[in-house]
Amino acid sequence: MVKATVLVKSPKKLIAARLAKVKSVYDSFPVSGQFDAVALIKVDSLSKIRVVTSEIQSITGVERTETMVEVQ
């Protein structure tokens, strides 16, 4: 199991709720600062992280993302 944190920049106020609807996102919440929300994802393999982040980037209102993969 591979976990990653995706930081999301979006002016949409309910972006965290939209992130929660993405498969493999097990938690999402709004934050203050440079980014507006965080999505925590869990996938079977490292290659699937790109699939999930692409889906997040396709959400209307998402301006950019930054992904950090958990290193164990």
C-alpha atoms as a PDB file:
ATOM      1  CA  MET A   1       0.000   0.000   0.000  1.00  0.00           C
ATOM      2  CA  VAL A   2       1.331   3.429  -0.989  1.00  0.00           C
ATOM      3  CA  LYS A   3       0.157   6.638   0.683  1.00  0.00           C
ATOM      4  CA  ALA A   4       0.523  10.186  -0.586  1.00  0.00           C
ATOM      5  CA  THR A   5      -0.536  13.683   0.363  1.00  0.00           C
ATOM      6  CA  VAL A   6      -1.852  15.930  -2.395  1.00  0.00           C
ATOM      7  CA  LEU A   7      -1.908  19.684  -1.789  1.00  0.00           C
ATOM      8  CA  VAL A   8      -4.569  21.433  -3.862  1.00  0.00           C
ATOM      9  CA  LYS A   9      -4.824  25.077  -4.921  1.00  0.00           C
ATOM     10  CA  SER A  10      -8.385  26.073  -5.759  1.00  0.00           C
ATOM     11  CA  PRO A  11     -10.543  29.144  -5.170  1.00  0.00           C
ATOM     12  CA  LYS A  12     -13.608  26.881  -4.804  1.00  0.00           C
ATOM     13  CA  LYS A  13     -14.828  26.905  -1.205  1.00  0.00           C
ATOM     14  CA  LEU A  14     -16.068  23.308  -1.182  1.00  0.00           C
ATOM     15  CA  ILE A  15     -13.067  21.751  -2.919  1.00  0.00           C
ATOM     16  CA  ALA A  16     -12.328  19.439   0.047  1.00  0.00           C
ATOM     17  CA  ALA A  17     -15.801  17.904  -0.289  1.00  0.00           C
ATOM     18  CA  ARG A  18     -15.219  17.328  -4.002  1.00  0.00           C
ATOM     19  CA  LEU A  19     -11.865  15.700  -3.280  1.00  0.00           C
ATOM     20  CA  ALA A  20     -13.547  13.251  -0.904  1.00  0.00           C
ATOM     21  CA  LYS A  21     -15.542  11.856  -3.838  1.00  0.00           C
ATOM     22  CA  VAL A  22     -12.390  10.749  -5.690  1.00  0.00           C
ATOM     23  CA  LYS A  23     -11.709   7.044  -5.403  1.00  0.00           C
ATOM     24  CA  SER A  24      -8.614   6.300  -3.283  1.00  0.00           C
ATOM     25  CA  VAL A  25      -8.964   9.559  -1.296  1.00  0.00           C
ATOM     26  CA  TYR A  26      -9.454   8.425   2.292  1.00  0.00           C
ATOM     27  CA  ASP A  27      -9.504  11.901   3.841  1.00  0.00           C
ATOM     28  CA  SER A  28      -9.634  15.507   2.667  1.00  0.00           C
ATOM     29  CA  PHE A  29      -9.859  18.813   4.466  1.00  0.00           C
ATOM     30  CA  PRO A  30      -9.475  22.548   3.860  1.00  0.00           C
ATOM     31  CA  VAL A  31      -6.289  24.309   5.009  1.00  0.00           C
ATOM     32  CA  SER A  32      -4.999  27.853   5.173  1.00  0.00           C
ATOM     33  CA  GLY A  33      -1.829  29.054   3.516  1.00  0.00           C
ATOM     34  CA  GLN A  34      -0.455  28.616   0.014  1.00  0.00           C
ATOM     35  CA  PHE A  35      -2.823  25.712  -0.718  1.00  0.00           C
ATOM     36  CA  ASP A  36      -6.550  25.471  -0.054  1.00  0.00           C
ATOM     37  CA  ALA A  37      -7.094  21.766   0.629  1.00  0.00           C
ATOM     38  CA  VAL A  38      -5.317  18.501   1.311  1.00  0.00           C
ATOM     39  CA  ALA A  39      -6.260  15.075  -0.030  1.00  0.00           C
ATOM     40  CA  LEU A  40      -4.803  11.957   1.563  1.00  0.00           C
ATOM     41  CA  ILE A  41      -4.685   9.050  -0.860  1.00  0.00           C
ATOM     42  CA  LYS A  42      -3.973   5.348  -0.534  1.00  0.00           C
ATOM     43  CA  VAL A  43      -3.331   3.155  -3.592  1.00  0.00           C
ATOM     44  CA  ASP A  44      -1.968  -0.298  -4.375  1.00  0.00           C
ATOM     45  CA  SER A  45       1.095   0.837  -6.307  1.00  0.00           C
ATOM     46  CA  LEU A  46       3.215   3.886  -6.939  1.00  0.00           C
ATOM     47  CA  SER A  47       2.069   4.103 -10.564  1.00  0.00           C
ATOM     48  CA  LYS A  48      -1.559   4.578  -9.483  1.00  0.00           C
ATOM     49  CA  ILE A  49      -0.736   7.823  -7.691  1.00  0.00           C
ATOM     50  CA  ARG A  50      -0.496   9.546 -11.063  1.00  0.00           C
ATOM     51  CA  VAL A  51      -3.966   8.267 -12.011  1.00  0.00           C
ATOM     52  CA  VAL A  52      -5.500   9.682  -8.833  1.00  0.00           C
ATOM     53  CA  THR A  53      -3.679  13.016  -9.086  1.00  0.00           C
ATOM     54  CA  SER A  54      -4.795  13.368 -12.713  1.00  0.00           C
ATOM     55  CA  GLU A  55      -8.381  12.834 -11.590  1.00  0.00           C
ATOM     56  CA  ILE A  56      -7.953  15.480  -8.885  1.00  0.00           C
ATOM     57  CA  GLN A  57      -6.477  17.910 -11.429  1.00  0.00           C
ATOM     58  CA  SER A  58      -9.492  17.417 -13.686  1.00  0.00           C
ATOM     59  CA  ILE A  59     -11.911  18.697 -11.021  1.00  0.00           C
ATOM     60  CA  THR A  60     -13.361  22.058 -12.037  1.00  0.00           C
ATOM     61  CA  GLY A  61     -11.629  24.854 -10.147  1.00  0.00           C
ATOM     62  CA  VAL A  62      -8.389  23.035  -9.336  1.00  0.00           C
ATOM     63  CA  GLU A  63      -5.565  25.345 -10.382  1.00  0.00           C
ATOM     64  CA  ARG A  64      -2.595  23.193  -9.370  1.00  0.00           C
ATOM     65  CA  THR A  65      -1.506  20.356  -7.138  1.00  0.00           C
ATOM     66  CA  GLU A  66       1.622  19.212  -5.387  1.00  0.00           C
ATOM     67  CA  THR A  67       2.048  15.575  -4.420  1.00  0.00           C
ATOM     68  CA  MET A  68       4.203  14.165  -1.644  1.00  0.00           C
ATOM     69  CA  VAL A  69       4.629  10.390  -1.488  1.00  0.00           C
ATOM     70  CA  GLU A  70       5.116   8.793   1.910  1.00  0.00           C
ATOM     71  CA  VAL A  71       8.547   7.201   2.207  1.00  0.00           C
ATOM     72  CA  GLN A  72       8.862   4.191   4.456  1.00  0.00           C
END
